[in-house]
Amino acid sequence: MNPDPNRLIDEAMQLQPSIRAFIAEVILDTLDCEDNFLVSSAWQVEMQKRCAAIDTGTARLVDNESAFRSLRGSLV
């Protein structure tokens, strides 16, 4: 099977943010990294907390366009 990556991305973008985050997490977990990235235990806890908030639906997810618009507005 040789799926079209653009079609997969288009279809994935139609999913709810929590489902997209789950898919991204699963895909990232499958990537083999040549370097072992050291992450502090505090950051590991924070990442687990954020992932749990996404999984439970308690996180407030913001699309990148809105986030950048807000950041630009705060610089003015």
Protein backbone atom coordinates (compact mmCIF):
# COMPACT_ATOMS: atom_id res chain seq x y z
CA MET A 1 0.00 0.00 0.00
CA ASN A 2 1.32 3.44 -0.96
CA PRO A 3 -1.06 6.07 0.46
CA ASP A 4 -0.89 9.68 -0.67
CA PRO A 5 0.65 11.68 2.23
CA ASN A 6 -1.19 14.87 1.25
CA ARG A 7 -4.54 13.06 1.32
CA LEU A 8 -3.71 11.55 4.72
CA ILE A 9 -2.81 14.98 6.09
CA ASP A 10 -5.97 16.55 4.67
CA GLU A 11 -8.10 13.83 6.23
CA ALA A 12 -6.26 14.00 9.55
CA MET A 13 -6.78 17.77 9.73
CA GLN A 14 -10.54 17.14 9.74
CA LEU A 15 -10.28 15.20 13.01
CA GLN A 16 -10.79 16.68 16.46
CA PRO A 17 -7.62 18.18 17.98
CA SER A 18 -7.41 15.53 20.69
CA ILE A 19 -7.49 12.76 18.09
CA ARG A 20 -4.85 14.53 15.98
CA ALA A 21 -2.65 14.86 19.08
CA PHE A 22 -3.05 11.16 19.81
CA ILE A 23 -2.10 10.23 16.23
CA ALA A 24 0.92 12.55 16.34
CA GLU A 25 2.02 11.04 19.64
CA VAL A 26 1.78 7.49 18.26
CA ILE A 27 3.67 8.39 15.08
CA LEU A 28 6.40 10.22 17.00
CA ASP A 29 6.81 7.21 19.28
CA THR A 30 7.57 5.04 16.24
CA LEU A 31 10.46 7.20 15.02
CA ASP A 32 13.90 5.91 15.79
CA CYS A 33 16.21 8.67 16.86
CA GLU A 34 19.93 8.11 16.56
CA ASP A 35 20.51 10.44 19.47
CA ASN A 36 19.02 9.81 22.86
CA PHE A 37 17.67 13.16 23.93
CA LEU A 38 18.05 13.78 27.61
CA VAL A 39 14.95 15.30 29.11
CA SER A 40 14.78 16.46 32.70
CA SER A 41 12.40 14.63 35.00
CA ALA A 42 10.49 17.90 35.51
CA TRP A 43 9.91 18.23 31.76
CA GLN A 44 8.88 14.55 31.51
CA VAL A 45 6.26 15.17 34.20
CA GLU A 46 5.06 18.30 32.38
CA MET A 47 4.78 16.43 29.05
CA GLN A 48 2.79 13.63 30.70
CA LYS A 49 0.52 16.20 32.34
CA ARG A 50 -0.09 17.97 29.01
CA CYS A 51 -0.73 14.72 27.15
CA ALA A 52 -3.16 13.61 29.85
CA ALA A 53 -5.01 16.94 29.61
CA ILE A 54 -5.34 16.46 25.85
CA ASP A 55 -6.46 12.85 26.26
CA THR A 56 -9.12 13.77 28.83
CA GLY A 57 -10.32 16.80 26.87
CA THR A 58 -9.45 19.29 29.62
CA ALA A 59 -6.72 21.06 27.64
CA ARG A 60 -7.58 24.25 25.80
CA LEU A 61 -6.12 23.65 22.36
CA VAL A 62 -5.51 26.61 20.08
CA ASP A 63 -4.68 26.40 16.38
CA ASN A 64 -1.36 27.89 15.34
CA GLU A 65 -2.89 30.80 13.39
CA SER A 66 -4.84 31.97 16.45
CA ALA A 67 -1.81 31.52 18.71
CA PHE A 68 0.48 33.55 16.44
CA ARG A 69 -2.19 36.23 15.97
CA SER A 70 -2.48 36.54 19.74
CA LEU A 71 1.29 36.70 20.17
CA ARG A 72 1.65 39.35 17.47
CA GLY A 73 -1.11 41.36 19.11
CA SER A 74 0.64 41.26 22.45
CA LEU A 75 3.82 42.70 20.90
CA VAL A 76 2.09 45.85 19.72
